[in-house]
Protein backbone atom coordinates (compact mmCIF):
# COMPACT_ATOMS: atom_id res chain seq x y z
CA UNK A 1 12.01 1.67 -31.72
CA UNK A 2 12.12 3.23 -27.98
CA UNK A 3 12.01 6.83 -27.28
CA UNK A 4 15.41 6.57 -25.42
CA UNK A 5 18.94 6.87 -26.43
CA UNK A 6 19.58 3.49 -25.52
CA UNK A 7 22.43 1.51 -23.62
CA UNK A 8 24.90 -0.88 -25.35
CA UNK A 9 27.40 -3.39 -24.26
CA UNK A 10 30.93 -2.64 -25.71
CA UNK A 11 33.67 -4.72 -27.12
CA UNK A 12 33.28 -7.51 -24.91
CA UNK A 13 30.35 -9.83 -23.86
CA UNK A 14 28.72 -9.18 -20.45
CA UNK A 15 28.29 -12.39 -18.41
CA UNK A 16 24.82 -13.38 -17.05
CA UNK A 17 24.55 -11.88 -13.44
CA UNK A 18 27.31 -9.22 -14.01
CA UNK A 19 26.57 -5.82 -12.80
CA UNK A 20 26.40 -3.63 -15.77
CA UNK A 21 26.03 -0.37 -13.88
CA UNK A 22 25.09 1.28 -10.81
CA UNK A 23 21.63 3.10 -10.95
CA UNK A 24 22.75 6.15 -8.95
CA UNK A 25 21.44 9.90 -8.34
CA UNK A 26 19.28 11.62 -5.94
CA UNK A 27 17.65 9.62 -3.43
CA UNK A 28 13.80 10.24 -2.81
CA UNK A 29 10.60 8.81 -1.28
CA UNK A 30 7.69 7.40 -3.50
CA UNK A 31 5.97 10.50 -2.20
CA UNK A 32 8.63 13.25 -3.29
CA UNK A 33 8.52 11.61 -6.82
CA UNK A 34 4.95 11.74 -6.66
CA UNK A 35 4.82 15.42 -5.61
CA UNK A 36 7.68 16.17 -8.22
CA UNK A 37 6.26 14.55 -11.43
CA UNK A 38 2.37 14.40 -10.50
CA UNK A 39 0.73 12.46 -13.23
CA UNK A 40 3.41 12.79 -15.63
CA UNK A 41 5.82 9.90 -16.26
CA UNK A 42 8.98 10.12 -14.06
CA UNK A 43 11.10 8.71 -16.99
CA UNK A 44 14.52 8.20 -14.83
CA UNK A 45 12.94 7.71 -11.28
CA UNK A 46 13.29 4.31 -9.84
CA UNK A 47 11.57 3.21 -6.83
CA UNK A 48 11.39 -0.19 -4.89
CA UNK A 49 8.34 -1.91 -2.97
CA UNK A 50 9.51 -0.07 0.16
CA UNK A 51 9.22 3.34 -1.42
CA UNK A 52 12.69 4.19 -1.70
CA UNK A 53 13.69 5.79 -4.81
CA UNK A 54 16.24 7.30 -7.12
CA UNK A 55 15.46 10.13 -9.35
CA UNK A 56 18.27 10.07 -11.99
CA UNK A 57 16.43 12.71 -14.32
CA UNK A 58 19.75 15.22 -14.05
CA UNK A 59 22.43 12.64 -13.34
CA UNK A 60 25.24 12.28 -15.59
CA UNK A 61 26.83 9.25 -14.22
CA UNK A 62 23.89 6.88 -14.21
CA UNK A 63 24.42 4.93 -17.49
CA UNK A 64 21.76 2.38 -16.19
CA UNK A 65 19.30 5.02 -17.03
CA UNK A 66 19.61 4.64 -20.51
CA UNK A 67 18.53 1.28 -20.82
CA UNK A 68 15.31 0.93 -22.68
CA UNK A 69 12.34 -1.71 -22.03
CA UNK A 70 11.70 -4.19 -25.00
CA UNK A 71 8.12 -3.80 -24.38
CA UNK A 72 6.29 -3.71 -27.69
CA UNK A 73 9.43 -4.33 -29.72
CA UNK A 74 10.90 -7.60 -31.32
CA UNK A 75 13.56 -7.59 -28.72
CA UNK A 76 13.56 -9.38 -25.47
CA UNK A 77 14.92 -7.79 -21.93
CA UNK A 78 18.40 -9.05 -21.12
CA UNK A 79 18.67 -7.35 -17.87
CA UNK A 80 17.05 -6.48 -14.36
CA UNK A 81 17.26 -3.74 -12.08
CA UNK A 82 17.75 -4.95 -8.40
CA UNK A 83 18.33 -3.44 -4.80
CA UNK A 84 16.66 -2.35 -1.84
CA UNK A 85 18.78 0.86 -1.26
CA UNK A 86 21.19 0.81 -3.89
CA UNK A 87 20.16 -0.06 -7.45
CA UNK A 88 22.14 -1.91 -9.90
CA UNK A 89 21.48 -2.88 -13.55
CA UNK A 90 22.50 -6.50 -13.95
CA UNK A 91 22.44 -8.85 -16.71
CA UNK A 92 19.89 -11.50 -16.64
CA UNK A 93 21.57 -13.54 -19.73
CA UNK A 94 24.72 -13.12 -21.55
CA UNK A 95 24.97 -9.91 -23.64
CA UNK A 96 27.08 -10.13 -26.69
CA UNK A 97 29.20 -7.35 -27.77
CA UNK A 98 27.30 -4.15 -29.35
CA UNK A 99 24.08 -5.58 -28.29
CA UNK A 100 21.59 -3.14 -26.89
CA UNK A 101 20.50 -3.56 -23.17
CA UNK A 102 17.05 -3.84 -22.27
CA UNK A 103 15.28 -3.80 -18.84
CA UNK A 104 11.60 -3.96 -17.54
CA UNK A 105 10.27 -0.72 -16.67
CA UNK A 106 7.56 -2.60 -14.81
CA UNK A 107 3.68 -2.32 -15.05
CA UNK A 108 3.53 1.22 -13.28
CA UNK A 109 5.41 2.72 -16.14
CA UNK A 110 2.92 1.93 -18.73
CA UNK A 111 -0.12 3.13 -17.01
């Protein structure tokens, strides 16, 4: 349904509020992200309201970057990304074993 690879829970359920994965990679500013990607979608870049960003485009250890957005699918988001300077993907509800993990990409992603 989505274009990405997807992120899935393993053999055990993930409890609500548990950290699923850190969202790590190169720290950037919003201006650096805009300059690098221009009008293109920065698929693995994540920014907060203060303009602090992480660009996980070339990261190999940021599992959270594989979570898809459930928008326009029959599924519902079951996680959220939180953080000011360190971003984390957290379960917003209990996630059963082998279930795909979805998170909102935010309105700006879909413009």
